Structures are given as structure tokens and as C-alpha cells.
Amino acid sequence: MAVIPLTRKPLSLVERTYVPAILSGLKTTFKRMFRPNDTLEYPEQRPAIPPGYRGVPTLVKDPNGREKCVSCQLCEFVCPPKAIRITPGTVPEGSGREHVEKAPQAFDIDMLRCIYCGLCQEVCPEEAIFLQNQYSLSGYTREELVNHKDRLYELGGTLPDSHYKWDKKKAAAEAGPAH
């Protein structure tokens, strides 16, 4: 294999002074100086969240303030990093949910393990788990980043329910009279 020597043209006097390179850099600097600033003053100013953003998973209640989760544990089984832990419990009598077999005694989501994939929301048959638009999550210890059941309901709040699944009277009224 033959080696071909590389020949370069000699620099002119102006190029040897580096004036064109300096002027090119100053041109970029002056263009940026007179343009509006792109910097946001975080956390006072936050960027717009795009539609379909998958944020922190939370639990939600129905409009009457009742738990929608029935401890089916599908979200726990489908979670790839095993960030969700559910301990099923019984439904207390007189709660208005006697037709439900079980309710979560403990529901924990380890946010250090969560990969925000959204599979838990997709698989939930009761629409009890939702991904919120929260993206800034911090804590000083690992224990602070494990969201327990009460914290998950605090973050999730209450969502309107168009199915009225838990309200027997409304569901019967919408179905119409029996023939």
C-alpha cells in the first residue's frame, strides 16, 4: 500500500494572524447577545409538559372519596423493575364496598426503581392508578422516595368517574327500567 503525502496550501498573511477565526467567533457572540434569553428560572418558571407525558404514578379515589384499587395486583406483576409492592387486605364492613373482595392494606411504589413506563396505568382494570405530570421528585434518603398508600392518594387526589362503577344506584338508573 502506497502512502500519499498530504500537501496543504500555505496560509495567507491574514489567516496567519487568526483575524478571520476571531471575527467568526465574535459574530456568533453578537448574534446571541441581542436574541431573547432561552433560560428558565427554575423552579419559578417550568417548561411546558408535552401531551402524553408519563410522570409519577399515583393512586386516585372515586368522586365519593372511596378507594378504587381492589388489590388485583396486576400492576405489581406487570412492573418491569418490580417497583410496586401490594399487600392485599380485607374490605371493612359498612364501607359501602362490600361487593369488593379485597382492598390494599399496603401499597408502596419505590420511585428509585420506577422507570416511568406507564404499564401500571395501562393494565389497571379499575383505573385506580394514574401517571401525574410531576417530574421533579427529590429526597434526602431512600425511604423518602418510597411512596406509601397515603402519600400516593395525596398525590393522586380524586378523579371524576364516568362509569359510576361503585355507585349501584346511579348505574341502575342509567341502565333504565328492567323489562
N, C-alpha and C. Protein backbone atom coordinates (compact mmCIF):
# COMPACT_ATOMS: atom_id res chain seq x y z
N MET A 1 0.84 -1.15 0.00
CA MET A 1 0.00 0.00 0.00
C MET A 1 0.90 1.23 0.00
N ALA A 2 0.61 2.11 -0.91
CA ALA A 2 1.44 3.32 -1.06
C ALA A 2 0.88 4.44 -0.19
N VAL A 3 1.77 5.17 0.43
CA VAL A 3 1.38 6.30 1.27
C VAL A 3 1.51 7.56 0.43
N ILE A 4 0.42 8.30 0.30
CA ILE A 4 0.42 9.53 -0.48
C ILE A 4 0.62 10.70 0.48
N PRO A 5 1.65 11.49 0.26
CA PRO A 5 1.86 12.64 1.16
C PRO A 5 0.78 13.68 0.98
N LEU A 6 0.36 14.26 2.08
CA LEU A 6 -0.68 15.28 2.07
C LEU A 6 -0.03 16.65 1.95
N THR A 7 -0.43 17.38 0.97
CA THR A 7 0.12 18.73 0.80
C THR A 7 -0.97 19.74 1.12
N ARG A 8 -0.61 20.73 1.89
CA ARG A 8 -1.55 21.77 2.26
C ARG A 8 -1.07 23.08 1.67
N LYS A 9 -2.06 23.90 1.31
CA LYS A 9 -1.67 25.20 0.78
C LYS A 9 -1.21 26.08 1.93
N PRO A 10 -0.28 26.92 1.72
CA PRO A 10 0.22 27.78 2.80
C PRO A 10 -0.82 28.83 3.18
N LEU A 11 -0.83 29.22 4.47
CA LEU A 11 -1.76 30.24 4.96
C LEU A 11 -1.33 31.61 4.49
N SER A 12 -2.35 32.44 4.21
CA SER A 12 -2.04 33.81 3.82
C SER A 12 -1.66 34.61 5.06
N LEU A 13 -1.24 35.85 4.87
CA LEU A 13 -0.83 36.69 5.98
C LEU A 13 -2.00 36.95 6.93
N VAL A 14 -3.19 37.20 6.39
CA VAL A 14 -4.38 37.46 7.22
C VAL A 14 -4.76 36.20 8.00
N GLU A 15 -4.70 35.05 7.36
CA GLU A 15 -5.05 33.80 8.03
C GLU A 15 -4.05 33.46 9.13
N ARG A 16 -2.81 33.84 8.96
CA ARG A 16 -1.80 33.57 9.98
C ARG A 16 -1.99 34.43 11.22
N THR A 17 -2.70 35.54 11.10
CA THR A 17 -2.97 36.38 12.27
C THR A 17 -4.22 35.92 13.03
N TYR A 18 -4.93 34.97 12.52
CA TYR A 18 -6.15 34.40 13.11
C TYR A 18 -7.29 35.40 13.22
N VAL A 19 -7.23 36.50 12.48
CA VAL A 19 -8.29 37.50 12.50
C VAL A 19 -9.62 36.92 12.00
N PRO A 20 -9.64 36.16 10.88
CA PRO A 20 -10.93 35.61 10.43
C PRO A 20 -11.56 34.68 11.47
N ALA A 21 -10.78 33.87 12.15
CA ALA A 21 -11.33 32.96 13.17
C ALA A 21 -11.89 33.74 14.35
N ILE A 22 -11.19 34.79 14.77
CA ILE A 22 -11.66 35.62 15.89
C ILE A 22 -12.95 36.34 15.52
N LEU A 23 -13.00 36.90 14.31
CA LEU A 23 -14.22 37.60 13.86
C LEU A 23 -15.39 36.64 13.73
N SER A 24 -15.13 35.43 13.30
CA SER A 24 -16.20 34.43 13.19
C SER A 24 -16.78 34.12 14.58
N GLY A 25 -15.92 33.98 15.58
CA GLY A 25 -16.40 33.74 16.94
C GLY A 25 -17.14 34.92 17.50
N LEU A 26 -16.67 36.15 17.23
CA LEU A 26 -17.36 37.35 17.71
C LEU A 26 -18.72 37.50 17.04
N LYS A 27 -18.82 37.10 15.78
CA LYS A 27 -20.10 37.16 15.06
C LYS A 27 -21.15 36.30 15.77
N THR A 28 -20.75 35.10 16.16
CA THR A 28 -21.66 34.21 16.90
C THR A 28 -22.04 34.82 18.24
N THR A 29 -21.07 35.42 18.93
CA THR A 29 -21.32 36.03 20.23
C THR A 29 -22.31 37.18 20.12
N PHE A 30 -22.11 38.06 19.13
CA PHE A 30 -23.00 39.21 18.97
C PHE A 30 -24.40 38.79 18.54
N LYS A 31 -24.53 37.73 17.75
CA LYS A 31 -25.86 37.24 17.38
C LYS A 31 -26.61 36.77 18.62
N ARG A 32 -25.94 36.08 19.53
CA ARG A 32 -26.57 35.58 20.75
C ARG A 32 -26.85 36.70 21.75
N MET A 33 -26.08 37.78 21.72
CA MET A 33 -26.27 38.87 22.68
C MET A 33 -27.60 39.58 22.50
N PHE A 34 -28.06 39.70 21.30
CA PHE A 34 -29.24 40.50 21.02
C PHE A 34 -30.49 39.65 20.81
N ARG A 35 -30.38 38.37 21.05
CA ARG A 35 -31.52 37.47 20.95
C ARG A 35 -32.13 37.30 22.33
N PRO A 36 -33.46 37.06 22.44
CA PRO A 36 -34.05 36.86 23.76
C PRO A 36 -33.44 35.63 24.45
N ASN A 37 -33.42 35.69 25.77
CA ASN A 37 -32.81 34.64 26.57
C ASN A 37 -33.66 33.38 26.59
N ASP A 38 -33.04 32.21 26.42
CA ASP A 38 -33.75 30.93 26.43
C ASP A 38 -33.76 30.28 27.81
N THR A 39 -33.13 30.89 28.78
CA THR A 39 -33.00 30.30 30.11
C THR A 39 -34.29 30.49 30.92
N LEU A 40 -34.71 29.42 31.60
CA LEU A 40 -35.86 29.49 32.50
C LEU A 40 -35.35 29.59 33.93
N GLU A 41 -36.04 30.36 34.75
CA GLU A 41 -35.69 30.50 36.16
C GLU A 41 -36.40 29.39 36.95
N TYR A 42 -35.83 28.19 36.90
CA TYR A 42 -36.42 27.04 37.58
C TYR A 42 -36.21 27.16 39.08
N PRO A 43 -37.13 26.92 39.94
CA PRO A 43 -38.42 26.28 39.78
C PRO A 43 -39.59 27.24 39.59
N GLU A 44 -39.33 28.56 39.59
CA GLU A 44 -40.43 29.52 39.42
C GLU A 44 -41.05 29.37 38.02
N GLN A 45 -40.23 29.22 37.01
CA GLN A 45 -40.71 29.01 35.64
C GLN A 45 -40.42 27.56 35.29
N ARG A 46 -41.42 26.90 34.75
CA ARG A 46 -41.24 25.50 34.37
C ARG A 46 -41.57 25.33 32.90
N PRO A 47 -40.88 24.41 32.24
CA PRO A 47 -41.18 24.18 30.83
C PRO A 47 -42.55 23.55 30.65
N ALA A 48 -43.13 23.74 29.48
CA ALA A 48 -44.44 23.14 29.19
C ALA A 48 -44.30 21.62 29.13
N ILE A 49 -45.26 20.93 29.69
CA ILE A 49 -45.23 19.47 29.69
C ILE A 49 -45.95 18.99 28.43
N PRO A 50 -45.30 18.15 27.63
CA PRO A 50 -45.93 17.68 26.40
C PRO A 50 -47.09 16.74 26.69
N PRO A 51 -48.08 16.66 25.79
CA PRO A 51 -49.19 15.72 25.99
C PRO A 51 -48.67 14.28 25.95
N GLY A 52 -49.25 13.43 26.78
CA GLY A 52 -48.82 12.05 26.83
C GLY A 52 -47.61 11.83 27.71
N TYR A 53 -47.22 12.84 28.48
CA TYR A 53 -46.05 12.71 29.36
C TYR A 53 -46.35 11.69 30.46
N ARG A 54 -45.41 10.81 30.72
CA ARG A 54 -45.58 9.79 31.75
C ARG A 54 -44.75 10.20 32.97
N GLY A 55 -45.45 10.63 34.01
CA GLY A 55 -44.77 11.10 35.21
C GLY A 55 -44.93 10.13 36.36
N VAL A 56 -45.06 10.67 37.55
CA VAL A 56 -45.10 9.88 38.78
C VAL A 56 -46.42 9.10 38.87
N PRO A 57 -46.35 7.77 39.10
CA PRO A 57 -47.59 7.00 39.29
C PRO A 57 -48.20 7.28 40.66
N THR A 58 -49.52 7.48 40.66
CA THR A 58 -50.25 7.77 41.90
C THR A 58 -51.55 6.99 41.91
N LEU A 59 -52.15 6.87 43.09
CA LEU A 59 -53.47 6.26 43.23
C LEU A 59 -54.53 7.35 43.28
N VAL A 60 -55.70 7.08 42.72
CA VAL A 60 -56.78 8.05 42.74
C VAL A 60 -58.01 7.43 43.40
N LYS A 61 -58.87 8.30 43.91
CA LYS A 61 -60.13 7.87 44.52
C LYS A 61 -61.28 8.23 43.59
N ASP A 62 -62.44 7.62 43.82
CA ASP A 62 -63.62 7.95 43.02
C ASP A 62 -64.20 9.27 43.54
N PRO A 63 -65.19 9.86 42.87
CA PRO A 63 -65.73 11.16 43.29
C PRO A 63 -66.29 11.17 44.72
N ASN A 64 -66.64 10.01 45.26
CA ASN A 64 -67.16 9.94 46.62
C ASN A 64 -66.06 9.73 47.66
N GLY A 65 -64.80 9.74 47.22
CA GLY A 65 -63.68 9.60 48.14
C GLY A 65 -63.34 8.18 48.53
N ARG A 66 -63.86 7.19 47.79
CA ARG A 66 -63.57 5.79 48.09
C ARG A 66 -62.38 5.31 47.26
N GLU A 67 -61.66 4.34 47.80
CA GLU A 67 -60.54 3.74 47.08
C GLU A 67 -61.06 2.99 45.86
N LYS A 68 -60.39 3.20 44.72
CA LYS A 68 -60.76 2.45 43.52
C LYS A 68 -59.97 1.15 43.40
N CYS A 69 -58.81 1.08 44.05
CA CYS A 69 -57.95 -0.10 43.96
C CYS A 69 -58.60 -1.29 44.66
N VAL A 70 -58.61 -2.44 43.99
CA VAL A 70 -59.19 -3.67 44.54
C VAL A 70 -58.12 -4.73 44.78
N SER A 71 -56.87 -4.35 44.83
CA SER A 71 -55.74 -5.26 45.09
C SER A 71 -55.70 -6.44 44.13
N CYS A 72 -55.93 -6.20 42.87
CA CYS A 72 -55.82 -7.28 41.89
C CYS A 72 -54.36 -7.64 41.62
N GLN A 73 -53.47 -6.73 41.94
CA GLN A 73 -52.02 -6.90 41.84
C GLN A 73 -51.51 -7.02 40.41
N LEU A 74 -52.31 -6.65 39.42
CA LEU A 74 -51.83 -6.67 38.04
C LEU A 74 -50.69 -5.68 37.83
N CYS A 75 -50.80 -4.50 38.44
CA CYS A 75 -49.74 -3.51 38.28
C CYS A 75 -48.43 -4.02 38.88
N GLU A 76 -48.52 -4.74 39.99
CA GLU A 76 -47.32 -5.30 40.61
C GLU A 76 -46.68 -6.36 39.71
N PHE A 77 -47.50 -7.19 39.09
CA PHE A 77 -46.98 -8.25 38.24
C PHE A 77 -46.39 -7.72 36.93
N VAL A 78 -46.96 -6.65 36.39
CA VAL A 78 -46.51 -6.15 35.09
C VAL A 78 -45.34 -5.18 35.21
N CYS A 79 -45.03 -4.69 36.39
CA CYS A 79 -43.97 -3.70 36.59
C CYS A 79 -42.60 -4.32 36.28
N PRO A 80 -41.91 -3.85 35.22
CA PRO A 80 -40.62 -4.46 34.85
C PRO A 80 -39.55 -4.39 35.95
N PRO A 81 -39.35 -3.26 36.65
CA PRO A 81 -38.30 -3.24 37.67
C PRO A 81 -38.79 -3.68 39.05
N LYS A 82 -40.04 -4.14 39.15
CA LYS A 82 -40.63 -4.57 40.43
C LYS A 82 -40.61 -3.45 41.45
N ALA A 83 -41.06 -2.26 41.04
CA ALA A 83 -41.09 -1.09 41.92
C ALA A 83 -42.36 -1.05 42.77
N ILE A 84 -43.38 -1.81 42.41
CA ILE A 84 -44.67 -1.76 43.12
C ILE A 84 -44.79 -2.98 44.03
N ARG A 85 -45.20 -2.73 45.28
CA ARG A 85 -45.45 -3.79 46.25
C ARG A 85 -46.83 -3.57 46.85
N ILE A 86 -47.69 -4.59 46.73
CA ILE A 86 -49.05 -4.50 47.26
C ILE A 86 -49.26 -5.61 48.27
N THR A 87 -49.83 -5.25 49.42
CA THR A 87 -50.25 -6.23 50.42
C THR A 87 -51.77 -6.19 50.46
N PRO A 88 -52.43 -7.24 49.94
CA PRO A 88 -53.89 -7.24 49.93
C PRO A 88 -54.46 -7.35 51.33
N GLY A 89 -55.60 -6.71 51.53
CA GLY A 89 -56.29 -6.77 52.82
C GLY A 89 -57.78 -6.96 52.58
N THR A 90 -58.54 -6.96 53.64
CA THR A 90 -59.99 -7.13 53.53
C THR A 90 -60.68 -5.77 53.50
N VAL A 91 -61.90 -5.78 53.00
CA VAL A 91 -62.70 -4.56 52.95
C VAL A 91 -63.47 -4.44 54.25
N PRO A 92 -63.37 -3.32 54.95
CA PRO A 92 -64.12 -3.18 56.21
C PRO A 92 -65.62 -3.14 55.96
N GLU A 93 -66.37 -3.76 56.86
CA GLU A 93 -67.83 -3.76 56.71
C GLU A 93 -68.39 -2.38 56.98
N GLY A 94 -69.44 -2.04 56.26
CA GLY A 94 -70.06 -0.73 56.41
C GLY A 94 -69.35 0.36 55.62
N SER A 95 -68.45 -0.02 54.74
CA SER A 95 -67.72 0.98 53.95
C SER A 95 -68.43 1.29 52.64
N GLY A 96 -69.48 0.56 52.31
CA GLY A 96 -70.17 0.78 51.05
C GLY A 96 -69.49 0.06 49.90
N ARG A 97 -68.53 -0.78 50.21
CA ARG A 97 -67.81 -1.52 49.16
C ARG A 97 -67.83 -3.01 49.47
N GLU A 98 -68.91 -3.51 50.03
CA GLU A 98 -68.97 -4.91 50.43
C GLU A 98 -68.92 -5.86 49.23
N HIS A 99 -69.28 -5.37 48.05
CA HIS A 99 -69.25 -6.21 46.86
C HIS A 99 -67.83 -6.39 46.31
N VAL A 100 -66.85 -5.70 46.90
CA VAL A 100 -65.45 -5.84 46.50
C VAL A 100 -64.80 -6.86 47.41
N GLU A 101 -64.05 -7.79 46.84
CA GLU A 101 -63.44 -8.86 47.63
C GLU A 101 -62.33 -8.38 48.54
N LYS A 102 -61.45 -7.53 48.03
CA LYS A 102 -60.31 -7.09 48.84
C LYS A 102 -59.91 -5.66 48.48
N ALA A 103 -59.14 -5.08 49.36
CA ALA A 103 -58.62 -3.72 49.18
C ALA A 103 -57.15 -3.74 49.61
N PRO A 104 -56.36 -2.79 49.15
CA PRO A 104 -54.95 -2.82 49.54
C PRO A 104 -54.75 -2.43 51.00
N GLN A 105 -54.07 -3.30 51.73
CA GLN A 105 -53.69 -2.97 53.09
C GLN A 105 -52.46 -2.06 53.04
N ALA A 106 -51.53 -2.38 52.14
CA ALA A 106 -50.35 -1.55 51.91
C ALA A 106 -50.10 -1.49 50.41
N PHE A 107 -49.73 -0.33 49.94
CA PHE A 107 -49.44 -0.13 48.52
C PHE A 107 -48.22 0.79 48.46
N ASP A 108 -47.09 0.27 48.03
CA ASP A 108 -45.85 1.04 48.00
C ASP A 108 -45.29 1.08 46.59
N ILE A 109 -44.81 2.25 46.18
CA ILE A 109 -44.11 2.39 44.90
C ILE A 109 -42.75 3.00 45.20
N ASP A 110 -41.71 2.26 44.86
CA ASP A 110 -40.33 2.73 45.05
C ASP A 110 -39.95 3.58 43.84
N MET A 111 -39.90 4.89 44.04
CA MET A 111 -39.62 5.79 42.92
C MET A 111 -38.17 5.73 42.45
N LEU A 112 -37.29 5.14 43.24
CA LEU A 112 -35.91 4.94 42.79
C LEU A 112 -35.82 3.81 41.77
N ARG A 113 -36.77 2.89 41.82
CA ARG A 113 -36.79 1.78 40.88
C ARG A 113 -37.70 2.04 39.68
N CYS A 114 -38.70 2.89 39.84
CA CYS A 114 -39.69 3.15 38.79
C CYS A 114 -39.00 3.70 37.54
N ILE A 115 -39.38 3.15 36.37
CA ILE A 115 -38.80 3.62 35.12
C ILE A 115 -39.82 4.43 34.30
N TYR A 116 -40.95 4.77 34.90
CA TYR A 116 -41.97 5.62 34.28
C TYR A 116 -42.44 5.07 32.93
N CYS A 117 -42.63 3.76 32.87
CA CYS A 117 -43.03 3.13 31.61
C CYS A 117 -44.53 3.27 31.36
N GLY A 118 -45.34 3.40 32.41
CA GLY A 118 -46.78 3.56 32.25
C GLY A 118 -47.53 2.24 32.14
N LEU A 119 -46.87 1.12 32.28
CA LEU A 119 -47.56 -0.17 32.18
C LEU A 119 -48.56 -0.37 33.32
N CYS A 120 -48.26 0.17 34.48
CA CYS A 120 -49.17 0.03 35.62
C CYS A 120 -50.51 0.71 35.33
N GLN A 121 -50.47 1.87 34.70
CA GLN A 121 -51.70 2.58 34.35
C GLN A 121 -52.45 1.83 33.26
N GLU A 122 -51.74 1.29 32.30
CA GLU A 122 -52.38 0.59 31.18
C GLU A 122 -53.10 -0.67 31.63
N VAL A 123 -52.53 -1.39 32.60
CA VAL A 123 -53.07 -2.68 32.98
C VAL A 123 -54.16 -2.59 34.05
N CYS A 124 -54.29 -1.46 34.74
CA CYS A 124 -55.23 -1.35 35.85
C CYS A 124 -56.69 -1.43 35.37
N PRO A 125 -57.44 -2.47 35.76
CA PRO A 125 -58.82 -2.60 35.30
C PRO A 125 -59.78 -1.62 35.97
N GLU A 126 -59.39 -1.09 37.12
CA GLU A 126 -60.26 -0.20 37.88
C GLU A 126 -59.95 1.28 37.65
N GLU A 127 -58.95 1.57 36.82
CA GLU A 127 -58.50 2.95 36.59
C GLU A 127 -58.16 3.63 37.91
N ALA A 128 -57.45 2.89 38.77
CA ALA A 128 -57.10 3.40 40.09
C ALA A 128 -55.71 4.01 40.13
N ILE A 129 -54.88 3.73 39.14
CA ILE A 129 -53.51 4.25 39.14
C ILE A 129 -53.32 5.12 37.91
N PHE A 130 -52.82 6.32 38.13
CA PHE A 130 -52.61 7.27 37.04
C PHE A 130 -51.22 7.86 37.13
N LEU A 131 -50.70 8.25 35.99
CA LEU A 131 -49.41 8.92 35.93
C LEU A 131 -49.65 10.42 35.92
N GLN A 132 -49.10 11.11 36.90
CA GLN A 132 -49.29 12.56 37.03
C GLN A 132 -48.22 13.30 36.23
N ASN A 133 -48.41 14.60 36.07
CA ASN A 133 -47.46 15.43 35.32
C ASN A 133 -46.32 15.93 36.18
N GLN A 134 -46.07 15.32 37.30
CA GLN A 134 -45.00 15.74 38.18
C GLN A 134 -43.69 15.11 37.70
N TYR A 135 -42.65 15.91 37.57
CA TYR A 135 -41.38 15.38 37.10
C TYR A 135 -40.20 15.73 38.01
N SER A 136 -40.40 16.57 38.99
CA SER A 136 -39.29 16.90 39.89
C SER A 136 -39.54 16.21 41.23
N LEU A 137 -38.86 15.13 41.44
CA LEU A 137 -39.01 14.32 42.63
C LEU A 137 -37.67 14.25 43.32
N SER A 138 -37.62 14.62 44.59
CA SER A 138 -36.34 14.59 45.29
C SER A 138 -36.55 14.22 46.75
N GLY A 139 -35.47 13.79 47.37
CA GLY A 139 -35.50 13.42 48.77
C GLY A 139 -34.09 13.27 49.28
N TYR A 140 -33.94 13.29 50.60
CA TYR A 140 -32.62 13.17 51.21
C TYR A 140 -32.25 11.72 51.51
N THR A 141 -33.25 10.86 51.66
CA THR A 141 -32.97 9.45 51.96
C THR A 141 -33.76 8.57 51.00
N ARG A 142 -33.39 7.31 50.95
CA ARG A 142 -34.10 6.36 50.09
C ARG A 142 -35.54 6.15 50.58
N GLU A 143 -35.74 6.20 51.88
CA GLU A 143 -37.07 5.98 52.45
C GLU A 143 -38.05 7.07 52.02
N GLU A 144 -37.55 8.29 51.81
CA GLU A 144 -38.43 9.38 51.38
C GLU A 144 -38.94 9.17 49.96
N LEU A 145 -38.24 8.37 49.17
CA LEU A 145 -38.64 8.16 47.78
C LEU A 145 -39.42 6.87 47.59
N VAL A 146 -39.87 6.27 48.67
CA VAL A 146 -40.81 5.16 48.60
C VAL A 146 -42.17 5.73 48.98
N ASN A 147 -43.06 5.84 48.00
CA ASN A 147 -44.38 6.41 48.24
C ASN A 147 -45.30 5.32 48.78
N HIS A 148 -45.82 5.53 49.99
CA HIS A 148 -46.76 4.61 50.61
C HIS A 148 -48.18 4.99 50.19
N LYS A 149 -49.13 4.17 50.60
CA LYS A 149 -50.52 4.32 50.17
C LYS A 149 -51.08 5.71 50.44
N ASP A 150 -50.89 6.24 51.64
CA ASP A 150 -51.45 7.56 51.96
C ASP A 150 -50.80 8.65 51.11
N ARG A 151 -49.52 8.56 50.87
CA ARG A 151 -48.83 9.55 50.02
C ARG A 151 -49.28 9.43 48.57
N LEU A 152 -49.52 8.22 48.09
CA LEU A 152 -50.00 8.02 46.71
C LEU A 152 -51.38 8.63 46.51
N TYR A 153 -52.26 8.48 47.52
CA TYR A 153 -53.59 9.10 47.42
C TYR A 153 -53.50 10.61 47.54
N GLU A 154 -52.56 11.11 48.33
CA GLU A 154 -52.37 12.55 48.45
C GLU A 154 -51.91 13.15 47.12
N LEU A 155 -50.99 12.48 46.43
CA LEU A 155 -50.51 12.96 45.14
C LEU A 155 -51.58 12.82 44.05
N GLY A 156 -52.35 11.72 44.10
CA GLY A 156 -53.33 11.44 43.04
C GLY A 156 -54.62 12.21 43.18
N GLY A 157 -55.13 12.29 44.40
CA GLY A 157 -56.38 13.01 44.63
C GLY A 157 -57.58 12.23 44.14
N THR A 158 -58.56 12.97 43.62
CA THR A 158 -59.82 12.39 43.16
C THR A 158 -60.01 12.72 41.69
N LEU A 159 -60.41 11.73 40.93
CA LEU A 159 -60.70 11.94 39.51
C LEU A 159 -62.16 11.65 39.25
N PRO A 160 -62.78 12.39 38.33
CA PRO A 160 -64.18 12.08 38.01
C PRO A 160 -64.28 10.70 37.37
N ASP A 161 -65.36 10.01 37.69
CA ASP A 161 -65.56 8.64 37.20
C ASP A 161 -66.79 8.63 36.31
N SER A 162 -66.60 8.37 35.02
CA SER A 162 -67.73 8.37 34.10
C SER A 162 -68.46 7.03 34.10
N HIS A 163 -67.91 6.02 34.76
CA HIS A 163 -68.52 4.69 34.73
C HIS A 163 -69.46 4.45 35.90
N TYR A 164 -69.32 5.19 36.98
CA TYR A 164 -70.12 5.01 38.20
C TYR A 164 -70.11 3.55 38.65
N LYS A 165 -68.96 2.94 38.55
CA LYS A 165 -68.83 1.52 38.85
C LYS A 165 -69.18 1.19 40.30
N TRP A 166 -68.86 2.10 41.22
CA TRP A 166 -69.07 1.82 42.63
C TRP A 166 -70.44 2.28 43.11
N ASP A 167 -71.14 3.05 42.32
CA ASP A 167 -72.44 3.55 42.74
C ASP A 167 -73.53 2.67 42.12
N LYS A 168 -74.12 1.79 42.92
CA LYS A 168 -75.13 0.87 42.41
C LYS A 168 -76.38 1.61 41.97
N LYS A 169 -76.77 2.66 42.69
CA LYS A 169 -77.99 3.39 42.35
C LYS A 169 -77.84 4.13 41.03
N LYS A 170 -76.73 4.80 40.82
CA LYS A 170 -76.54 5.54 39.57
C LYS A 170 -76.41 4.58 38.39
N ALA A 171 -75.71 3.49 38.58
CA ALA A 171 -75.53 2.52 37.50
C ALA A 171 -76.88 1.94 37.11
N ALA A 172 -77.73 1.64 38.11
CA ALA A 172 -79.05 1.09 37.83
C ALA A 172 -79.95 2.13 37.15
N ALA A 173 -79.84 3.39 37.55
CA ALA A 173 -80.66 4.45 36.97
C ALA A 173 -80.28 4.71 35.52
N GLU A 174 -78.99 4.63 35.20
CA GLU A 174 -78.56 4.86 33.84
C GLU A 174 -78.92 3.69 32.93
N ALA A 175 -79.00 2.49 33.47
CA ALA A 175 -79.32 1.32 32.67
C ALA A 175 -80.78 1.35 32.22
N GLY A 176 -81.62 2.06 32.95
CA GLY A 176 -83.02 2.15 32.57
C GLY A 176 -83.85 1.12 33.31
N PRO A 177 -85.17 1.18 33.11
CA PRO A 177 -86.05 0.24 33.81
C PRO A 177 -85.87 -1.18 33.29
N ALA A 178 -86.00 -2.16 34.18
CA ALA A 178 -85.87 -3.57 33.80
C ALA A 178 -87.15 -4.03 33.13
N HIS A 179 -87.02 -4.81 32.09
CA HIS A 179 -88.21 -5.32 31.36
C HIS A 179 -88.55 -6.69 31.80
